[in-house]
């Protein structure tokens, strides 16, 4: 069994993958009336979908999350020619981002600073958007400033990834790449990343995960096929069922 397949199977066995039996027709107003097992997931982008992979919950499974981040660090080292610091998006990207920076230090033989990007809607405190970057002599801003790698545990529609890159760029830094453990690799994400000028480094895709789930029969064929339908055309999957994206997202 290949190493990535083994890691994917560990993620599945950790019960990090949930696929719900969403009705073929359902309106936003009807969702709460359905049993939880049939309610679509609401993603942070405000879009709906049939499944969710809780990579961020694996922070409690140290052996798994460390293995995932070690392999991602190796791939990042191969694909990103210039990397000066790692920026984890709150909340899911913070621990994977920190681990990634640690493993990259070993691979590169030098310090790889870590910062995290907070929610732009944060109120109170010092209201800083990027924590760990102010007055940091190891991270240089300006025309030839440091190149930051935006990190999340998974990327679905890529909106938060692009927002993180925008925050760093507006603060005077460069962003050419982002990294994640799981990449949905759906057409909407690819479009957003291309428009933002960001290349994604990922450990495995949702399509790869579903192949492993199918091979080991961890989920029903019907559930897997529905998730694949969503992956091909996320917006079409919603429209076909009568679901409408909402402005205030938030995975649930």
C-alpha atoms as a PDB file:
ATOM      1  CA  UNK A   1       0.000   0.000   0.000  1.00  0.00           C
ATOM      2  CA  UNK A   2       1.382   3.420  -0.912  1.00  0.00           C
ATOM      3  CA  UNK A   3       2.253   5.820   1.918  1.00  0.00           C
ATOM      4  CA  UNK A   4      -0.414   8.387   0.965  1.00  0.00           C
ATOM      5  CA  UNK A   5      -3.086   5.693   0.739  1.00  0.00           C
ATOM      6  CA  UNK A   6      -2.097   4.508   4.209  1.00  0.00           C
ATOM      7  CA  UNK A   7      -2.395   8.036   5.579  1.00  0.00           C
ATOM      8  CA  UNK A   8      -5.788   8.536   3.932  1.00  0.00           C
ATOM      9  CA  UNK A   9      -7.012   5.264   5.415  1.00  0.00           C
ATOM     10  CA  UNK A  10      -5.847   6.423   8.859  1.00  0.00           C
ATOM     11  CA  UNK A  11      -7.863   9.623   8.409  1.00  0.00           C
ATOM     12  CA  UNK A  12     -10.960   7.620   7.453  1.00  0.00           C
ATOM     13  CA  UNK A  13     -10.526   5.136  10.311  1.00  0.00           C
ATOM     14  CA  UNK A  14     -10.270   8.091  12.706  1.00  0.00           C
ATOM     15  CA  UNK A  15     -13.893   8.838  11.662  1.00  0.00           C
ATOM     16  CA  UNK A  16     -12.899  12.192  10.180  1.00  0.00           C
ATOM     17  CA  UNK A  17     -15.073  11.689   7.084  1.00  0.00           C
ATOM     18  CA  UNK A  18     -18.842  12.213   7.221  1.00  0.00           C
ATOM     19  CA  UNK A  19     -21.125  12.062   4.182  1.00  0.00           C
ATOM     20  CA  UNK A  20     -24.821  12.792   4.656  1.00  0.00           C
ATOM     21  CA  UNK A  21     -27.773  11.524   2.665  1.00  0.00           C
ATOM     22  CA  UNK A  22     -29.060  14.910   1.464  1.00  0.00           C
ATOM     23  CA  UNK A  23     -32.513  14.828  -0.228  1.00  0.00           C
ATOM     24  CA  UNK A  24     -32.671  15.446  -3.963  1.00  0.00           C
ATOM     25  CA  UNK A  25     -34.825  18.523  -3.285  1.00  0.00           C
ATOM     26  CA  UNK A  26     -34.638  20.691  -0.174  1.00  0.00           C
ATOM     27  CA  UNK A  27     -34.830  24.436   0.448  1.00  0.00           C
ATOM     28  CA  UNK A  28     -32.788  26.417   2.958  1.00  0.00           C
ATOM     29  CA  UNK A  29     -35.889  26.827   5.113  1.00  0.00           C
ATOM     30  CA  UNK A  30     -36.485  23.081   5.257  1.00  0.00           C
ATOM     31  CA  UNK A  31     -32.996  22.072   6.361  1.00  0.00           C
ATOM     32  CA  UNK A  32     -33.556  22.370  10.118  1.00  0.00           C
ATOM     33  CA  UNK A  33     -36.605  20.106   9.851  1.00  0.00           C
ATOM     34  CA  UNK A  34     -34.493  17.241   8.545  1.00  0.00           C
ATOM     35  CA  UNK A  35     -32.687  14.741  10.787  1.00  0.00           C
ATOM     36  CA  UNK A  36     -29.011  15.638  11.135  1.00  0.00           C
ATOM     37  CA  UNK A  37     -27.976  12.667   8.996  1.00  0.00           C
ATOM     38  CA  UNK A  38     -29.793  14.237   6.031  1.00  0.00           C
ATOM     39  CA  UNK A  39     -28.860  17.902   6.490  1.00  0.00           C
ATOM     40  CA  UNK A  40     -26.298  19.322   4.050  1.00  0.00           C
ATOM     41  CA  UNK A  41     -23.121  20.803   5.483  1.00  0.00           C
ATOM     42  CA  UNK A  42     -22.740  24.566   5.481  1.00  0.00           C
ATOM     43  CA  UNK A  43     -19.151  25.456   4.574  1.00  0.00           C
ATOM     44  CA  UNK A  44     -17.292  28.592   5.629  1.00  0.00           C
ATOM     45  CA  UNK A  45     -17.769  29.944   2.094  1.00  0.00           C
ATOM     46  CA  UNK A  46     -21.552  29.967   2.586  1.00  0.00           C
ATOM     47  CA  UNK A  47     -22.035  27.096   0.159  1.00  0.00           C
ATOM     48  CA  UNK A  48     -23.675  23.747   0.917  1.00  0.00           C
ATOM     49  CA  UNK A  49     -22.408  20.221   0.337  1.00  0.00           C
ATOM     50  CA  UNK A  50     -23.039  16.569   1.252  1.00  0.00           C
ATOM     51  CA  UNK A  51     -19.824  15.821   3.102  1.00  0.00           C
ATOM     52  CA  UNK A  52     -17.145  17.147   5.388  1.00  0.00           C
ATOM     53  CA  UNK A  53     -13.704  15.900   6.379  1.00  0.00           C
ATOM     54  CA  UNK A  54     -12.748  17.096   9.852  1.00  0.00           C
ATOM     55  CA  UNK A  55      -8.995  17.220   9.434  1.00  0.00           C
ATOM     56  CA  UNK A  56      -8.802  19.874  12.167  1.00  0.00           C
ATOM     57  CA  UNK A  57     -10.193  17.410  14.731  1.00  0.00           C
ATOM     58  CA  UNK A  58      -7.125  15.244  14.168  1.00  0.00           C
ATOM     59  CA  UNK A  59      -5.037  17.655  16.245  1.00  0.00           C
ATOM     60  CA  UNK A  60      -6.070  15.408  19.141  1.00  0.00           C
ATOM     61  CA  UNK A  61      -4.521  12.438  17.364  1.00  0.00           C
ATOM     62  CA  UNK A  62      -0.849  13.433  17.504  1.00  0.00           C
ATOM     63  CA  UNK A  63       0.558  10.478  15.619  1.00  0.00           C
ATOM     64  CA  UNK A  64      -1.773  11.023  12.665  1.00  0.00           C
ATOM     65  CA  UNK A  65      -1.486  14.809  12.417  1.00  0.00           C
ATOM     66  CA  UNK A  66       2.314  14.667  12.718  1.00  0.00           C
ATOM     67  CA  UNK A  67       2.553  12.044   9.969  1.00  0.00           C
ATOM     68  CA  UNK A  68       0.335  14.123   7.682  1.00  0.00           C
ATOM     69  CA  UNK A  69       2.325  17.309   8.263  1.00  0.00           C
ATOM     70  CA  UNK A  70       5.689  15.570   7.839  1.00  0.00           C
ATOM     71  CA  UNK A  71       4.684  14.326   4.397  1.00  0.00           C
ATOM     72  CA  UNK A  72       3.227  17.714   3.477  1.00  0.00           C
ATOM     73  CA  UNK A  73       6.513  19.367   4.507  1.00  0.00           C
ATOM     74  CA  UNK A  74       8.458  17.083   2.144  1.00  0.00           C
ATOM     75  CA  UNK A  75       6.159  17.976  -0.749  1.00  0.00           C
ATOM     76  CA  UNK A  76       6.256  21.682   0.104  1.00  0.00           C
ATOM     77  CA  UNK A  77      10.047  21.605   0.166  1.00  0.00           C
ATOM     78  CA  UNK A  78      10.061  20.125  -3.336  1.00  0.00           C
ATOM     79  CA  UNK A  79       7.491  22.471  -4.861  1.00  0.00           C
ATOM     80  CA  UNK A  80       8.074  25.891  -3.254  1.00  0.00           C
ATOM     81  CA  UNK A  81      11.375  27.350  -4.363  1.00  0.00           C
ATOM     82  CA  UNK A  82      11.319  30.312  -1.996  1.00  0.00           C
ATOM     83  CA  UNK A  83       9.721  30.093   1.425  1.00  0.00           C
ATOM     84  CA  UNK A  84      10.530  32.585   4.173  1.00  0.00           C
ATOM     85  CA  UNK A  85       7.746  32.031   6.704  1.00  0.00           C
ATOM     86  CA  UNK A  86       4.548  30.046   7.299  1.00  0.00           C
ATOM     87  CA  UNK A  87       1.188  31.696   8.015  1.00  0.00           C
ATOM     88  CA  UNK A  88      -1.573  29.519   9.450  1.00  0.00           C
ATOM     89  CA  UNK A  89      -5.157  30.596   8.909  1.00  0.00           C
ATOM     90  CA  UNK A  90      -7.244  30.542  12.099  1.00  0.00           C
ATOM     91  CA  UNK A  91      -8.456  28.141  13.225  1.00  0.00           C
ATOM     92  CA  UNK A  92      -7.827  24.967  11.241  1.00  0.00           C
ATOM     93  CA  UNK A  93      -4.487  26.037   9.805  1.00  0.00           C
ATOM     94  CA  UNK A  94      -2.775  27.021  13.039  1.00  0.00           C
ATOM     95  CA  UNK A  95      -1.530  23.676  14.371  1.00  0.00           C
ATOM     96  CA  UNK A  96      -0.790  22.139  10.929  1.00  0.00           C
ATOM     97  CA  UNK A  97       0.975  25.383  10.004  1.00  0.00           C
ATOM     98  CA  UNK A  98       3.113  25.328  13.145  1.00  0.00           C
ATOM     99  CA  UNK A  99       4.047  21.674  12.609  1.00  0.00           C
ATOM    100  CA  UNK A 100       4.808  22.384   8.957  1.00  0.00           C
ATOM    101  CA  UNK A 101       7.162  25.227   9.910  1.00  0.00           C
ATOM    102  CA  UNK A 102       8.969  22.916  12.352  1.00  0.00           C
ATOM    103  CA  UNK A 103       9.428  20.113   9.809  1.00  0.00           C
ATOM    104  CA  UNK A 104      10.518  22.594   7.126  1.00  0.00           C
ATOM    105  CA  UNK A 105      13.218  23.878   9.458  1.00  0.00           C
ATOM    106  CA  UNK A 106      14.699  20.384   9.594  1.00  0.00           C
ATOM    107  CA  UNK A 107      14.524  20.002   5.820  1.00  0.00           C
ATOM    108  CA  UNK A 108      15.906  23.461   5.021  1.00  0.00           C
ATOM    109  CA  UNK A 109      18.421  23.659   7.850  1.00  0.00           C
ATOM    110  CA  UNK A 110      17.320  27.141   8.905  1.00  0.00           C
ATOM    111  CA  UNK A 111      14.691  29.002  10.918  1.00  0.00           C
ATOM    112  CA  UNK A 112      11.228  29.109   9.338  1.00  0.00           C
ATOM    113  CA  UNK A 113       9.152  31.650  11.303  1.00  0.00           C
ATOM    114  CA  UNK A 114       5.464  31.013  11.997  1.00  0.00           C
ATOM    115  CA  UNK A 115       2.609  33.520  12.250  1.00  0.00           C
ATOM    116  CA  UNK A 116      -1.140  33.121  12.219  1.00  0.00           C
ATOM    117  CA  UNK A 117      -3.827  35.074  10.413  1.00  0.00           C
ATOM    118  CA  UNK A 118      -6.852  35.968  12.493  1.00  0.00           C
ATOM    119  CA  UNK A 119     -10.451  36.474  11.428  1.00  0.00           C
ATOM    120  CA  UNK A 120     -10.942  39.907   9.876  1.00  0.00           C
ATOM    121  CA  UNK A 121     -14.153  40.233  11.893  1.00  0.00           C
ATOM    122  CA  UNK A 122     -12.245  40.013  15.207  1.00  0.00           C
ATOM    123  CA  UNK A 123     -13.221  42.709  17.709  1.00  0.00           C
ATOM    124  CA  UNK A 124     -11.418  43.818  20.827  1.00  0.00           C
ATOM    125  CA  UNK A 125      -7.823  43.277  21.861  1.00  0.00           C
ATOM    126  CA  UNK A 126      -5.190  44.932  19.700  1.00  0.00           C
ATOM    127  CA  UNK A 127      -7.191  44.081  16.572  1.00  0.00           C
ATOM    128  CA  UNK A 128      -4.118  42.752  14.824  1.00  0.00           C
ATOM    129  CA  UNK A 129      -4.906  40.649  11.782  1.00  0.00           C
ATOM    130  CA  UNK A 130      -1.564  38.820  11.579  1.00  0.00           C
ATOM    131  CA  UNK A 131      -0.144  37.660  14.898  1.00  0.00           C
ATOM    132  CA  UNK A 132       3.596  37.115  15.259  1.00  0.00           C
ATOM    133  CA  UNK A 133       4.694  39.309  12.377  1.00  0.00           C
ATOM    134  CA  UNK A 134       4.972  42.786  13.952  1.00  0.00           C
ATOM    135  CA  UNK A 135       8.533  43.825  14.818  1.00  0.00           C
ATOM    136  CA  UNK A 136       9.798  40.415  13.767  1.00  0.00           C
ATOM    137  CA  UNK A 137      13.346  40.834  12.366  1.00  0.00           C
ATOM    138  CA  UNK A 138      13.140  37.386  10.746  1.00  0.00           C
ATOM    139  CA  UNK A 139      10.268  38.423   8.441  1.00  0.00           C
ATOM    140  CA  UNK A 140      11.158  41.347   6.179  1.00  0.00           C
ATOM    141  CA  UNK A 141       8.404  43.394   4.417  1.00  0.00           C
ATOM    142  CA  UNK A 142       8.810  45.600   1.347  1.00  0.00           C
ATOM    143  CA  UNK A 143       9.338  45.242  -2.389  1.00  0.00           C
ATOM    144  CA  UNK A 144      11.777  42.368  -1.885  1.00  0.00           C
ATOM    145  CA  UNK A 145      10.124  41.218   1.306  1.00  0.00           C
ATOM    146  CA  UNK A 146       9.521  37.777   2.711  1.00  0.00           C
ATOM    147  CA  UNK A 147       7.435  35.174   0.884  1.00  0.00           C
ATOM    148  CA  UNK A 148       4.768  33.647   3.124  1.00  0.00           C
ATOM    149  CA  UNK A 149       3.075  30.274   2.745  1.00  0.00           C
ATOM    150  CA  UNK A 150      -0.627  30.329   3.704  1.00  0.00           C
ATOM    151  CA  UNK A 151      -1.621  27.086   5.431  1.00  0.00           C
ATOM    152  CA  UNK A 152      -4.990  25.475   6.165  1.00  0.00           C
ATOM    153  CA  UNK A 153      -5.909  21.954   7.177  1.00  0.00           C
ATOM    154  CA  UNK A 154      -8.160  21.632   4.116  1.00  0.00           C
ATOM    155  CA  UNK A 155      -9.219  23.808   1.215  1.00  0.00           C
ATOM    156  CA  UNK A 156     -12.693  23.536  -0.302  1.00  0.00           C
ATOM    157  CA  UNK A 157     -13.748  26.720  -2.116  1.00  0.00           C
ATOM    158  CA  UNK A 158     -10.416  28.479  -1.311  1.00  0.00           C
ATOM    159  CA  UNK A 159     -11.998  31.737  -0.135  1.00  0.00           C
ATOM    160  CA  UNK A 160     -10.213  31.785   3.223  1.00  0.00           C
ATOM    161  CA  UNK A 161      -6.948  30.854   1.527  1.00  0.00           C
ATOM    162  CA  UNK A 162      -7.255  33.795  -0.847  1.00  0.00           C
ATOM    163  CA  UNK A 163      -8.294  36.095   2.026  1.00  0.00           C
ATOM    164  CA  UNK A 164      -5.211  35.034   3.972  1.00  0.00           C
ATOM    165  CA  UNK A 165      -2.965  35.740   1.004  1.00  0.00           C
ATOM    166  CA  UNK A 166      -4.626  39.117   0.530  1.00  0.00           C
ATOM    167  CA  UNK A 167      -4.023  40.033   4.171  1.00  0.00           C
ATOM    168  CA  UNK A 168      -0.330  39.213   3.885  1.00  0.00           C
ATOM    169  CA  UNK A 169       0.046  41.073   0.605  1.00  0.00           C
ATOM    170  CA  UNK A 170      -1.690  44.156   1.984  1.00  0.00           C
ATOM    171  CA  UNK A 171       0.750  44.051   4.906  1.00  0.00           C
ATOM    172  CA  UNK A 172       3.654  44.219   2.454  1.00  0.00           C
ATOM    173  CA  UNK A 173       4.603  40.580   1.985  1.00  0.00           C
ATOM    174  CA  UNK A 174       4.701  38.213  -0.974  1.00  0.00           C
ATOM    175  CA  UNK A 175       2.519  35.114  -1.361  1.00  0.00           C
ATOM    176  CA  UNK A 176       3.037  32.676  -4.230  1.00  0.00           C
ATOM    177  CA  UNK A 177       1.847  29.415  -2.670  1.00  0.00           C
ATOM    178  CA  UNK A 178      -0.569  27.951  -0.159  1.00  0.00           C
ATOM    179  CA  UNK A 179      -0.548  24.492   1.401  1.00  0.00           C
ATOM    180  CA  UNK A 180      -3.090  22.117   2.890  1.00  0.00           C
ATOM    181  CA  UNK A 181      -3.440  18.483   3.869  1.00  0.00           C
ATOM    182  CA  UNK A 182      -6.691  17.916   1.958  1.00  0.00           C
ATOM    183  CA  UNK A 183      -7.570  19.806  -1.240  1.00  0.00           C
ATOM    184  CA  UNK A 184     -11.058  19.437  -2.662  1.00  0.00           C
ATOM    185  CA  UNK A 185      -9.667  20.441  -6.060  1.00  0.00           C
ATOM    186  CA  UNK A 186     -13.085  21.565  -7.250  1.00  0.00           C
ATOM    187  CA  UNK A 187     -13.489  23.953 -10.212  1.00  0.00           C
ATOM    188  CA  UNK A 188     -14.566  26.897  -8.038  1.00  0.00           C
ATOM    189  CA  UNK A 189     -11.421  26.606  -5.903  1.00  0.00           C
ATOM    190  CA  UNK A 190      -9.166  26.308  -8.953  1.00  0.00           C
ATOM    191  CA  UNK A 191     -10.733  29.438 -10.442  1.00  0.00           C
ATOM    192  CA  UNK A 192     -10.284  31.455  -7.232  1.00  0.00           C
ATOM    193  CA  UNK A 193      -6.675  30.370  -6.779  1.00  0.00           C
ATOM    194  CA  UNK A 194      -5.782  31.190 -10.370  1.00  0.00           C
ATOM    195  CA  UNK A 195      -7.341  34.639 -10.095  1.00  0.00           C
ATOM    196  CA  UNK A 196      -5.396  35.246  -6.880  1.00  0.00           C
ATOM    197  CA  UNK A 197      -2.128  34.012  -8.389  1.00  0.00           C
ATOM    198  CA  UNK A 198      -1.682  31.242  -5.837  1.00  0.00           C
ATOM    199  CA  UNK A 199      -0.363  27.730  -6.434  1.00  0.00           C
ATOM    200  CA  UNK A 200      -1.672  25.055  -4.058  1.00  0.00           C
ATOM    201  CA  UNK A 201       0.535  22.402  -2.484  1.00  0.00           C
ATOM    202  CA  UNK A 202      -1.525  19.557  -1.045  1.00  0.00           C
ATOM    203  CA  UNK A 203      -0.979  16.105   0.406  1.00  0.00           C
ATOM    204  CA  UNK A 204      -4.046  14.480  -1.171  1.00  0.00           C
ATOM    205  CA  UNK A 205      -7.280  15.436  -2.889  1.00  0.00           C
ATOM    206  CA  UNK A 206     -10.880  14.634  -2.027  1.00  0.00           C
ATOM    207  CA  UNK A 207     -11.029  12.472  -5.140  1.00  0.00           C
ATOM    208  CA  UNK A 208      -8.126  10.378  -3.827  1.00  0.00           C
ATOM    209  CA  UNK A 209      -9.810  10.082  -0.445  1.00  0.00           C
ATOM    210  CA  UNK A 210     -13.059   8.882  -2.024  1.00  0.00           C
ATOM    211  CA  UNK A 211     -11.165   6.248  -4.029  1.00  0.00           C
ATOM    212  CA  UNK A 212      -9.728   4.874  -0.790  1.00  0.00           C
ATOM    213  CA  UNK A 213     -13.165   4.970   0.866  1.00  0.00           C
ATOM    214  CA  UNK A 214     -14.588   3.044  -2.103  1.00  0.00           C
ATOM    215  CA  UNK A 215     -11.733   0.524  -2.111  1.00  0.00           C
ATOM    216  CA  UNK A 216     -12.140  -0.325   1.570  1.00  0.00           C
ATOM    217  CA  UNK A 217     -15.954   0.120   1.571  1.00  0.00           C
ATOM    218  CA  UNK A 218     -15.904   2.529   4.502  1.00  0.00           C
ATOM    219  CA  UNK A 219     -18.935   4.423   3.178  1.00  0.00           C
ATOM    220  CA  UNK A 220     -21.882   3.478   1.001  1.00  0.00           C
ATOM    221  CA  UNK A 221     -21.476   3.685  -2.765  1.00  0.00           C
ATOM    222  CA  UNK A 222     -24.438   6.055  -2.925  1.00  0.00           C
ATOM    223  CA  UNK A 223     -22.818   8.486  -0.463  1.00  0.00           C
ATOM    224  CA  UNK A 224     -19.492   8.379  -2.292  1.00  0.00           C
ATOM    225  CA  UNK A 225     -21.154   8.967  -5.672  1.00  0.00           C
ATOM    226  CA  UNK A 226     -23.079  11.963  -4.301  1.00  0.00           C
ATOM    227  CA  UNK A 227     -19.881  13.501  -2.929  1.00  0.00           C
ATOM    228  CA  UNK A 228     -18.266  12.978  -6.332  1.00  0.00           C
ATOM    229  CA  UNK A 229     -21.198  14.713  -8.018  1.00  0.00           C
ATOM    230  CA  UNK A 230     -20.691  17.683  -5.703  1.00  0.00           C
ATOM    231  CA  UNK A 231     -16.966  17.721  -6.439  1.00  0.00           C
ATOM    232  CA  UNK A 232     -17.515  17.994 -10.196  1.00  0.00           C
ATOM    233  CA  UNK A 233     -19.857  20.983  -9.922  1.00  0.00           C
ATOM    234  CA  UNK A 234     -20.369  22.331  -6.376  1.00  0.00           C
ATOM    235  CA  UNK A 235     -22.636  25.204  -7.377  1.00  0.00           C
ATOM    236  CA  UNK A 236     -24.635  22.965  -9.710  1.00  0.00           C
ATOM    237  CA  UNK A 237     -25.077  20.382  -6.932  1.00  0.00           C
ATOM    238  CA  UNK A 238     -26.646  23.060  -4.750  1.00  0.00           C
ATOM    239  CA  UNK A 239     -28.822  24.566  -7.470  1.00  0.00           C
ATOM    240  CA  UNK A 240     -30.140  21.158  -8.527  1.00  0.00           C
ATOM    241  CA  UNK A 241     -31.468  20.606  -5.003  1.00  0.00           C
ATOM    242  CA  UNK A 242     -32.879  24.075  -4.532  1.00  0.00           C
ATOM    243  CA  UNK A 243     -30.250  25.157  -2.006  1.00  0.00           C
ATOM    244  CA  UNK A 244     -28.993  28.721  -2.018  1.00  0.00           C
ATOM    245  CA  UNK A 245     -25.581  29.883  -0.734  1.00  0.00           C
ATOM    246  CA  UNK A 246     -25.779  32.236   2.237  1.00  0.00           C
ATOM    247  CA  UNK A 247     -23.629  35.252   2.955  1.00  0.00           C
ATOM    248  CA  UNK A 248     -22.661  34.202   6.483  1.00  0.00           C
ATOM    249  CA  UNK A 249     -20.908  30.848   6.140  1.00  0.00           C
ATOM    250  CA  UNK A 250     -19.585  28.723   8.936  1.00  0.00           C
ATOM    251  CA  UNK A 251     -19.075  25.000   8.789  1.00  0.00           C
ATOM    252  CA  UNK A 252     -21.770  23.008  10.554  1.00  0.00           C
END
